[in-house]
PDB file of all heavy atoms in Angstrom:
ATOM      1  N   ALA A   1     -30.043  72.116 -66.346  1.00  0.00           N
ATOM      2  CA  ALA A   1     -29.355  71.316 -65.332  1.00  0.00           C
ATOM      3  C   ALA A   1     -28.272  70.496 -66.023  1.00  0.00           C
ATOM      4  O   ALA A   1     -28.475  69.955 -67.108  1.00  0.00           O
ATOM      5  CB  ALA A   1     -30.328  70.390 -64.624  1.00  0.00           C
ATOM      6  N   ALA A   2     -27.121  70.456 -65.414  1.00  0.00           N
ATOM      7  CA  ALA A   2     -26.009  69.679 -65.959  1.00  0.00           C
ATOM      8  C   ALA A   2     -25.324  68.929 -64.834  1.00  0.00           C
ATOM      9  O   ALA A   2     -25.249  69.414 -63.712  1.00  0.00           O
ATOM     10  CB  ALA A   2     -25.006  70.593 -66.647  1.00  0.00           C
ATOM     11  N   GLN A   3     -24.854  67.756 -65.151  1.00  0.00           N
ATOM     12  CA  GLN A   3     -24.092  66.981 -64.176  1.00  0.00           C
ATOM     13  C   GLN A   3     -22.620  67.233 -64.459  1.00  0.00           C
ATOM     14  O   GLN A   3     -22.106  66.862 -65.506  1.00  0.00           O
ATOM     15  CB  GLN A   3     -24.400  65.497 -64.301  1.00  0.00           C
ATOM     16  CG  GLN A   3     -23.652  64.665 -63.302  1.00  0.00           C
ATOM     17  CD  GLN A   3     -24.010  63.183 -63.408  1.00  0.00           C
ATOM     18  OE1 GLN A   3     -24.920  62.804 -64.108  1.00  0.00           O
ATOM     19  NE2 GLN A   3     -23.272  62.371 -62.706  1.00  0.00           N
ATOM     20  N   SER A   4     -21.951  67.888 -63.534  1.00  0.00           N
ATOM     21  CA  SER A   4     -20.551  68.215 -63.767  1.00  0.00           C
ATOM     22  C   SER A   4     -19.598  67.262 -63.060  1.00  0.00           C
ATOM     23  O   SER A   4     -18.408  67.299 -63.312  1.00  0.00           O
ATOM     24  CB  SER A   4     -20.268  69.651 -63.339  1.00  0.00           C
ATOM     25  OG  SER A   4     -20.573  69.817 -61.964  1.00  0.00           O
ATOM     26  N   PHE A   5     -20.106  66.415 -62.180  1.00  0.00           N
ATOM     27  CA  PHE A   5     -19.259  65.478 -61.471  1.00  0.00           C
ATOM     28  C   PHE A   5     -19.813  64.069 -61.602  1.00  0.00           C
ATOM     29  O   PHE A   5     -21.008  63.854 -61.463  1.00  0.00           O
ATOM     30  CB  PHE A   5     -19.158  65.820 -59.976  1.00  0.00           C
ATOM     31  CG  PHE A   5     -18.456  67.109 -59.708  1.00  0.00           C
ATOM     32  CD1 PHE A   5     -19.162  68.267 -59.476  1.00  0.00           C
ATOM     33  CD2 PHE A   5     -17.078  67.160 -59.715  1.00  0.00           C
ATOM     34  CE1 PHE A   5     -18.516  69.458 -59.241  1.00  0.00           C
ATOM     35  CE2 PHE A   5     -16.418  68.346 -59.483  1.00  0.00           C
ATOM     36  CZ  PHE A   5     -17.135  69.500 -59.244  1.00  0.00           C
ATOM     37  N   ALA A   6     -18.940  63.141 -61.866  1.00  0.00           N
ATOM     38  CA  ALA A   6     -19.344  61.738 -61.911  1.00  0.00           C
ATOM     39  C   ALA A   6     -19.372  61.195 -60.486  1.00  0.00           C
ATOM     40  O   ALA A   6     -18.615  61.655 -59.629  1.00  0.00           O
ATOM     41  CB  ALA A   6     -18.345  60.937 -62.745  1.00  0.00           C
ATOM     42  N   PRO A   7     -20.207  60.210 -60.219  1.00  0.00           N
ATOM     43  CA  PRO A   7     -20.192  59.614 -58.882  1.00  0.00           C
ATOM     44  C   PRO A   7     -18.907  58.818 -58.672  1.00  0.00           C
ATOM     45  O   PRO A   7     -18.389  58.200 -59.600  1.00  0.00           O
ATOM     46  CB  PRO A   7     -21.416  58.695 -58.891  1.00  0.00           C
ATOM     47  CG  PRO A   7     -21.653  58.386 -60.327  1.00  0.00           C
ATOM     48  CD  PRO A   7     -21.194  59.587 -61.095  1.00  0.00           C
ATOM     49  N   LEU A   8     -18.379  58.867 -57.486  1.00  0.00           N
ATOM     50  CA  LEU A   8     -17.183  58.101 -57.152  1.00  0.00           C
ATOM     51  C   LEU A   8     -17.629  56.733 -56.661  1.00  0.00           C
ATOM     52  O   LEU A   8     -18.380  56.633 -55.694  1.00  0.00           O
ATOM     53  CB  LEU A   8     -16.380  58.815 -56.061  1.00  0.00           C
ATOM     54  CG  LEU A   8     -15.013  58.213 -55.782  1.00  0.00           C
ATOM     55  CD1 LEU A   8     -14.040  59.286 -55.374  1.00  0.00           C
ATOM     56  CD2 LEU A   8     -15.072  57.112 -54.763  1.00  0.00           C
ATOM     57  N   VAL A   9     -17.192  55.700 -57.367  1.00  0.00           N
ATOM     58  CA  VAL A   9     -17.567  54.336 -57.007  1.00  0.00           C
ATOM     59  C   VAL A   9     -16.303  53.501 -56.890  1.00  0.00           C
ATOM     60  O   VAL A   9     -15.586  53.307 -57.879  1.00  0.00           O
ATOM     61  CB  VAL A   9     -18.522  53.716 -58.054  1.00  0.00           C
ATOM     62  CG1 VAL A   9     -18.899  52.297 -57.657  1.00  0.00           C
ATOM     63  CG2 VAL A   9     -19.759  54.580 -58.231  1.00  0.00           C
ATOM     64  N   ASN A  10     -16.010  53.055 -55.682  1.00  0.00           N
ATOM     65  CA  ASN A  10     -14.849  52.191 -55.466  1.00  0.00           C
ATOM     66  C   ASN A  10     -15.116  50.799 -56.034  1.00  0.00           C
ATOM     67  O   ASN A  10     -16.226  50.284 -55.923  1.00  0.00           O
ATOM     68  CB  ASN A  10     -14.544  52.051 -53.969  1.00  0.00           C
ATOM     69  CG  ASN A  10     -13.895  53.283 -53.389  1.00  0.00           C
ATOM     70  OD1 ASN A  10     -13.351  54.115 -54.086  1.00  0.00           O
ATOM     71  ND2 ASN A  10     -13.966  53.396 -52.077  1.00  0.00           N
ATOM     72  N   ARG A  11     -14.095  50.190 -56.604  1.00  0.00           N
ATOM     73  CA  ARG A  11     -14.199  48.793 -57.008  1.00  0.00           C
ATOM     74  C   ARG A  11     -14.101  47.945 -55.741  1.00  0.00           C
ATOM     75  O   ARG A  11     -13.202  48.159 -54.925  1.00  0.00           O
ATOM     76  CB  ARG A  11     -13.061  48.417 -57.955  1.00  0.00           C
ATOM     77  CG  ARG A  11     -13.089  49.116 -59.289  1.00  0.00           C
ATOM     78  CD  ARG A  11     -14.054  48.385 -60.220  1.00  0.00           C
ATOM     79  NE  ARG A  11     -14.140  49.030 -61.506  1.00  0.00           N
ATOM     80  CZ  ARG A  11     -13.525  48.610 -62.600  1.00  0.00           C
ATOM     81  NH1 ARG A  11     -12.786  47.528 -62.572  1.00  0.00           N
ATOM     82  NH2 ARG A  11     -13.670  49.259 -63.734  1.00  0.00           N
ATOM     83  N   PRO A  12     -15.008  47.002 -55.552  1.00  0.00           N
ATOM     84  CA  PRO A  12     -15.006  46.213 -54.310  1.00  0.00           C
ATOM     85  C   PRO A  12     -13.675  45.529 -54.029  1.00  0.00           C
ATOM     86  O   PRO A  12     -13.218  45.508 -52.884  1.00  0.00           O
ATOM     87  CB  PRO A  12     -16.121  45.195 -54.533  1.00  0.00           C
ATOM     88  CG  PRO A  12     -17.028  45.839 -55.520  1.00  0.00           C
ATOM     89  CD  PRO A  12     -16.137  46.658 -56.418  1.00  0.00           C
ATOM     90  N   GLU A  13     -13.020  44.972 -55.050  1.00  0.00           N
ATOM     91  CA  GLU A  13     -11.752  44.279 -54.813  1.00  0.00           C
ATOM     92  C   GLU A  13     -10.645  45.241 -54.390  1.00  0.00           C
ATOM     93  O   GLU A  13      -9.785  44.902 -53.581  1.00  0.00           O
ATOM     94  CB  GLU A  13     -11.336  43.465 -56.051  1.00  0.00           C
ATOM     95  CG  GLU A  13     -11.040  44.286 -57.293  1.00  0.00           C
ATOM     96  CD  GLU A  13     -12.248  44.605 -58.175  1.00  0.00           C
ATOM     97  OE1 GLU A  13     -13.401  44.551 -57.701  1.00  0.00           O
ATOM     98  OE2 GLU A  13     -12.029  44.929 -59.352  1.00  0.00           O
ATOM     99  N   HIS A  14     -10.684  46.465 -54.889  1.00  0.00           N
ATOM    100  CA  HIS A  14      -9.677  47.446 -54.498  1.00  0.00           C
ATOM    101  C   HIS A  14      -9.959  47.989 -53.097  1.00  0.00           C
ATOM    102  O   HIS A  14      -9.030  48.221 -52.320  1.00  0.00           O
ATOM    103  CB  HIS A  14      -9.607  48.575 -55.529  1.00  0.00           C
ATOM    104  CG  HIS A  14      -9.137  48.116 -56.861  1.00  0.00           C
ATOM    105  ND1 HIS A  14      -7.821  48.166 -57.248  1.00  0.00           N
ATOM    106  CD2 HIS A  14      -9.809  47.556 -57.894  1.00  0.00           C
ATOM    107  CE1 HIS A  14      -7.706  47.674 -58.471  1.00  0.00           C
ATOM    108  NE2 HIS A  14      -8.903  47.297 -58.878  1.00  0.00           N
ATOM    109  N   ALA A  15     -11.231  48.188 -52.790  1.00  0.00           N
ATOM    110  CA  ALA A  15     -11.587  48.620 -51.440  1.00  0.00           C
ATOM    111  C   ALA A  15     -11.196  47.558 -50.420  1.00  0.00           C
ATOM    112  O   ALA A  15     -10.678  47.873 -49.345  1.00  0.00           O
ATOM    113  CB  ALA A  15     -13.084  48.921 -51.368  1.00  0.00           C
ATOM    114  N   ALA A  16     -11.400  46.284 -50.764  1.00  0.00           N
ATOM    115  CA  ALA A  16     -11.018  45.189 -49.859  1.00  0.00           C
ATOM    116  C   ALA A  16      -9.511  45.180 -49.644  1.00  0.00           C
ATOM    117  O   ALA A  16      -9.042  44.945 -48.522  1.00  0.00           O
ATOM    118  CB  ALA A  16     -11.488  43.853 -50.430  1.00  0.00           C
ATOM    119  N   ARG A  17      -8.749  45.446 -50.693  1.00  0.00           N
ATOM    120  CA  ARG A  17      -7.285  45.498 -50.559  1.00  0.00           C
ATOM    121  C   ARG A  17      -6.872  46.654 -49.643  1.00  0.00           C
ATOM    122  O   ARG A  17      -5.959  46.512 -48.828  1.00  0.00           O
ATOM    123  CB  ARG A  17      -6.635  45.659 -51.936  1.00  0.00           C
ATOM    124  CG  ARG A  17      -5.127  45.482 -51.875  1.00  0.00           C
ATOM    125  CD  ARG A  17      -4.490  45.592 -53.237  1.00  0.00           C
ATOM    126  NE  ARG A  17      -4.956  44.513 -54.105  1.00  0.00           N
ATOM    127  CZ  ARG A  17      -4.774  44.504 -55.426  1.00  0.00           C
ATOM    128  NH1 ARG A  17      -4.167  45.479 -56.026  1.00  0.00           N
ATOM    129  NH2 ARG A  17      -5.216  43.489 -56.137  1.00  0.00           N
ATOM    130  N   CYS A  18      -7.562  47.781 -49.755  1.00  0.00           N
ATOM    131  CA  CYS A  18      -7.269  48.921 -48.878  1.00  0.00           C
ATOM    132  C   CYS A  18      -7.547  48.585 -47.418  1.00  0.00           C
ATOM    133  O   CYS A  18      -6.751  48.912 -46.535  1.00  0.00           O
ATOM    134  CB  CYS A  18      -8.089  50.135 -49.295  1.00  0.00           C
ATOM    135  SG  CYS A  18      -7.558  50.908 -50.831  1.00  0.00           S
ATOM    136  N   LEU A  19      -8.681  47.916 -47.170  1.00  0.00           N
ATOM    137  CA  LEU A  19      -9.021  47.533 -45.801  1.00  0.00           C
ATOM    138  C   LEU A  19      -8.044  46.507 -45.247  1.00  0.00           C
ATOM    139  O   LEU A  19      -7.654  46.573 -44.077  1.00  0.00           O
ATOM    140  CB  LEU A  19     -10.445  46.982 -45.746  1.00  0.00           C
ATOM    141  CG  LEU A  19     -11.553  48.016 -45.898  1.00  0.00           C
ATOM    142  CD1 LEU A  19     -12.905  47.330 -46.042  1.00  0.00           C
ATOM    143  CD2 LEU A  19     -11.556  48.966 -44.714  1.00  0.00           C
ATOM    144  N   ALA A  20      -7.627  45.547 -46.088  1.00  0.00           N
ATOM    145  CA  ALA A  20      -6.667  44.534 -45.639  1.00  0.00           C
ATOM    146  C   ALA A  20      -5.327  45.183 -45.307  1.00  0.00           C
ATOM    147  O   ALA A  20      -4.682  44.823 -44.320  1.00  0.00           O
ATOM    148  CB  ALA A  20      -6.501  43.455 -46.708  1.00  0.00           C
ATOM    149  N   ALA A  21      -4.900  46.145 -46.117  1.00  0.00           N
ATOM    150  CA  ALA A  21      -3.643  46.845 -45.840  1.00  0.00           C
ATOM    151  C   ALA A  21      -3.742  47.647 -44.547  1.00  0.00           C
ATOM    152  O   ALA A  21      -2.784  47.720 -43.778  1.00  0.00           O
ATOM    153  CB  ALA A  21      -3.277  47.770 -47.011  1.00  0.00           C
ATOM    154  N   ALA A  22      -4.909  48.211 -44.284  1.00  0.00           N
ATOM    155  CA  ALA A  22      -5.102  48.939 -43.031  1.00  0.00           C
ATOM    156  C   ALA A  22      -4.971  47.995 -41.845  1.00  0.00           C
ATOM    157  O   ALA A  22      -4.343  48.331 -40.835  1.00  0.00           O
ATOM    158  CB  ALA A  22      -6.461  49.632 -43.027  1.00  0.00           C
ATOM    159  N   ALA A  23      -5.523  46.794 -41.977  1.00  0.00           N
ATOM    160  CA  ALA A  23      -5.383  45.791 -40.903  1.00  0.00           C
ATOM    161  C   ALA A  23      -3.928  45.389 -40.739  1.00  0.00           C
ATOM    162  O   ALA A  23      -3.431  45.256 -39.620  1.00  0.00           O
ATOM    163  CB  ALA A  23      -6.248  44.573 -41.202  1.00  0.00           C
ATOM    164  N   ASP A  24      -3.211  45.208 -41.869  1.00  0.00           N
ATOM    165  CA  ASP A  24      -1.780  44.885 -41.808  1.00  0.00           C
ATOM    166  C   ASP A  24      -0.999  45.964 -41.063  1.00  0.00           C
ATOM    167  O   ASP A  24      -0.028  45.674 -40.376  1.00  0.00           O
ATOM    168  CB  ASP A  24      -1.180  44.767 -43.227  1.00  0.00           C
ATOM    169  CG  ASP A  24      -1.697  43.576 -44.003  1.00  0.00           C
ATOM    170  OD1 ASP A  24      -2.346  42.688 -43.410  1.00  0.00           O
ATOM    171  OD2 ASP A  24      -1.444  43.548 -45.228  1.00  0.00           O
ATOM    172  N   ALA A  25      -1.425  47.212 -41.241  1.00  0.00           N
ATOM    173  CA  ALA A  25      -0.728  48.345 -40.631  1.00  0.00           C
ATOM    174  C   ALA A  25      -1.146  48.572 -39.184  1.00  0.00           C
ATOM    175  O   ALA A  25      -0.653  49.487 -38.528  1.00  0.00           O
ATOM    176  CB  ALA A  25      -0.983  49.608 -41.450  1.00  0.00           C
ATOM    177  N   GLY A  26      -2.059  47.743 -38.682  1.00  0.00           N
ATOM    178  CA  GLY A  26      -2.470  47.854 -37.286  1.00  0.00           C
ATOM    179  C   GLY A  26      -3.598  48.836 -37.040  1.00  0.00           C
ATOM    180  O   GLY A  26      -3.833  49.231 -35.904  1.00  0.00           O
ATOM    181  N   ALA A  27      -4.310  49.225 -38.095  1.00  0.00           N
ATOM    182  CA  ALA A  27      -5.424  50.149 -37.915  1.00  0.00           C
ATOM    183  C   ALA A  27      -6.568  49.446 -37.202  1.00  0.00           C
ATOM    184  O   ALA A  27      -6.804  48.264 -37.426  1.00  0.00           O
ATOM    185  CB  ALA A  27      -5.897  50.673 -39.265  1.00  0.00           C
ATOM    186  N   PRO A  28      -7.288  50.158 -36.368  1.00  0.00           N
ATOM    187  CA  PRO A  28      -8.447  49.540 -35.711  1.00  0.00           C
ATOM    188  C   PRO A  28      -9.539  49.257 -36.743  1.00  0.00           C
ATOM    189  O   PRO A  28      -9.622  49.925 -37.773  1.00  0.00           O
ATOM    190  CB  PRO A  28      -8.900  50.612 -34.713  1.00  0.00           C
ATOM    191  CG  PRO A  28      -8.363  51.893 -35.248  1.00  0.00           C
ATOM    192  CD  PRO A  28      -7.101  51.548 -35.985  1.00  0.00           C
ATOM    193  N   ALA A  29     -10.358  48.278 -36.459  1.00  0.00           N
ATOM    194  CA  ALA A  29     -11.475  47.951 -37.359  1.00  0.00           C
ATOM    195  C   ALA A  29     -12.474  49.097 -37.343  1.00  0.00           C
ATOM    196  O   ALA A  29     -12.761  49.675 -36.294  1.00  0.00           O
ATOM    197  CB  ALA A  29     -12.141  46.660 -36.904  1.00  0.00           C
ATOM    198  N   HIS A  30     -12.959  49.434 -38.500  1.00  0.00           N
ATOM    199  CA  HIS A  30     -13.945  50.509 -38.615  1.00  0.00           C
ATOM    200  C   HIS A  30     -15.252  49.938 -39.145  1.00  0.00           C
ATOM    201  O   HIS A  30     -15.239  49.036 -39.977  1.00  0.00           O
ATOM    202  CB  HIS A  30     -13.442  51.612 -39.565  1.00  0.00           C
ATOM    203  CG  HIS A  30     -12.319  52.393 -38.991  1.00  0.00           C
ATOM    204  ND1 HIS A  30     -12.510  53.404 -38.089  1.00  0.00           N
ATOM    205  CD2 HIS A  30     -10.993  52.305 -39.175  1.00  0.00           C
ATOM    206  CE1 HIS A  30     -11.332  53.910 -37.742  1.00  0.00           C
ATOM    207  NE2 HIS A  30     -10.404  53.250 -38.387  1.00  0.00           N
TER     208      HIS A  30
END
């Protein structure tokens, strides 16, 4: 058995920036 893919883990501060930009752009809350 081998692990060929690392888990994708968002940095909380970067994810928060993405969500804030979505709000700035008028995206509905998800």
